């Protein structure tokens, strides 16, 4: 665990989600990036706009698994550090959508 969260590859993250019955998939890119195509089921929570207050209103359960991705992996690491600092205990950073080979939702 690094800085309160775990980093895994996109493939490993997708595998973990497939076997996880209770999780949130968090897309931390900008709104326009999200609208241009995101991983199905992902919830938008822009890294640059992330605060403790708006995060807690969006993600009430601090023990739920939260899988975080962005475009390339930089913002997902920043957002994961914020989540850990806000008290979230099961944060998994899965890198960037550039490594995602599946169908996108628009």
Protein backbone atom coordinates (compact mmCIF):
# COMPACT_ATOMS: atom_id res chain seq x y z
CA UNK A 1 0.00 0.00 0.00
CA UNK A 2 1.36 3.41 -0.99
CA UNK A 3 0.11 6.55 0.74
CA UNK A 4 -3.07 4.78 1.88
CA UNK A 5 -4.06 3.26 -1.46
CA UNK A 6 -3.05 0.40 -3.75
CA UNK A 7 -2.03 0.81 -7.39
CA UNK A 8 -2.68 -2.03 -9.83
CA UNK A 9 -2.82 -2.30 -13.61
CA UNK A 10 -6.06 -1.61 -15.48
CA UNK A 11 -6.38 -5.33 -16.29
CA UNK A 12 -5.92 -6.32 -12.65
CA UNK A 13 -8.39 -3.63 -11.56
CA UNK A 14 -11.02 -4.90 -14.00
CA UNK A 15 -10.46 -8.45 -12.74
CA UNK A 16 -10.87 -7.32 -9.12
CA UNK A 17 -14.07 -5.44 -9.97
CA UNK A 18 -15.51 -8.49 -11.71
CA UNK A 19 -15.25 -10.37 -8.40
CA UNK A 20 -16.32 -7.47 -6.18
CA UNK A 21 -20.02 -7.13 -5.42
CA UNK A 22 -19.91 -3.69 -3.79
CA UNK A 23 -17.71 -1.01 -5.32
CA UNK A 24 -17.64 2.39 -6.98
CA UNK A 25 -15.70 3.00 -10.19
CA UNK A 26 -14.53 6.62 -10.10
CA UNK A 27 -13.52 8.52 -13.24
CA UNK A 28 -11.54 11.57 -12.12
CA UNK A 29 -11.11 13.18 -15.57
CA UNK A 30 -12.80 16.40 -16.70
CA UNK A 31 -16.48 16.45 -17.66
CA UNK A 32 -15.74 16.73 -21.40
CA UNK A 33 -13.37 13.74 -21.23
CA UNK A 34 -16.01 11.70 -19.36
CA UNK A 35 -18.71 12.58 -21.89
CA UNK A 36 -16.45 11.58 -24.80
CA UNK A 37 -16.38 8.01 -23.43
CA UNK A 38 -15.96 6.31 -20.06
CA UNK A 39 -15.82 2.80 -18.64
CA UNK A 40 -19.40 1.54 -18.22
CA UNK A 41 -20.75 2.22 -14.75
CA UNK A 42 -18.13 4.84 -13.90
CA UNK A 43 -19.11 7.84 -11.79
CA UNK A 44 -17.53 11.21 -12.60
CA UNK A 45 -15.72 13.02 -9.78
CA UNK A 46 -13.20 15.43 -11.31
CA UNK A 47 -9.84 15.39 -9.54
CA UNK A 48 -9.33 19.16 -9.79
CA UNK A 49 -12.74 19.82 -8.19
CA UNK A 50 -12.45 17.14 -5.49
CA UNK A 51 -12.92 18.34 -1.90
CA UNK A 52 -13.50 16.41 1.30
CA UNK A 53 -17.09 17.70 1.45
CA UNK A 54 -18.18 16.89 -2.10
CA UNK A 55 -16.42 13.54 -1.94
CA UNK A 56 -18.21 12.57 1.27
CA UNK A 57 -21.58 13.56 -0.21
CA UNK A 58 -20.89 11.40 -3.29
CA UNK A 59 -19.20 8.47 -1.51
CA UNK A 60 -20.83 7.91 1.85
CA UNK A 61 -19.23 4.58 2.79
CA UNK A 62 -15.54 5.12 3.54
CA UNK A 63 -14.96 1.34 3.67
CA UNK A 64 -16.43 0.55 0.24
CA UNK A 65 -13.98 -0.41 -2.50
CA UNK A 66 -13.29 2.56 -4.77
CA UNK A 67 -11.51 1.95 -8.08
CA UNK A 68 -10.04 5.16 -9.50
CA UNK A 69 -8.92 5.92 -13.06
CA UNK A 70 -8.18 8.90 -15.29
CA UNK A 71 -6.67 9.27 -18.77
CA UNK A 72 -3.08 8.17 -18.21
CA UNK A 73 -2.67 7.52 -14.47
CA UNK A 74 -1.38 10.81 -13.04
CA UNK A 75 -4.71 12.28 -11.87
CA UNK A 76 -5.92 8.91 -10.58
CA UNK A 77 -2.88 8.76 -8.28
CA UNK A 78 -3.53 12.33 -7.06
CA UNK A 79 -7.22 11.57 -6.48
CA UNK A 80 -6.39 8.31 -4.69
CA UNK A 81 -4.06 10.20 -2.34
CA UNK A 82 -6.87 12.66 -1.60
CA UNK A 83 -9.34 9.83 -0.93
CA UNK A 84 -6.93 8.19 1.49
CA UNK A 85 -6.38 11.55 3.23
CA UNK A 86 -10.18 11.95 3.51
CA UNK A 87 -10.33 8.62 5.38
CA UNK A 88 -11.32 6.16 2.63
CA UNK A 89 -9.80 2.78 3.43
CA UNK A 90 -10.21 0.63 0.29
CA UNK A 91 -8.92 2.77 -2.57
CA UNK A 92 -7.51 1.00 -5.63
CA UNK A 93 -5.86 3.15 -8.29
CA UNK A 94 -6.12 1.43 -11.68
CA UNK A 95 -4.32 3.90 -13.96
CA UNK A 96 -5.62 5.37 -17.17
CA UNK A 97 -8.38 4.71 -19.65
CA UNK A 98 -5.66 4.62 -22.32
CA UNK A 99 -4.99 1.06 -21.06
CA UNK A 100 -8.67 0.05 -21.22
CA UNK A 101 -9.57 -2.16 -24.18
CA UNK A 102 -13.30 -2.61 -23.57
CA UNK A 103 -16.39 -0.83 -24.84
CA UNK A 104 -16.92 2.76 -23.78
CA UNK A 105 -20.17 4.27 -22.56
CA UNK A 106 -21.20 7.74 -23.74
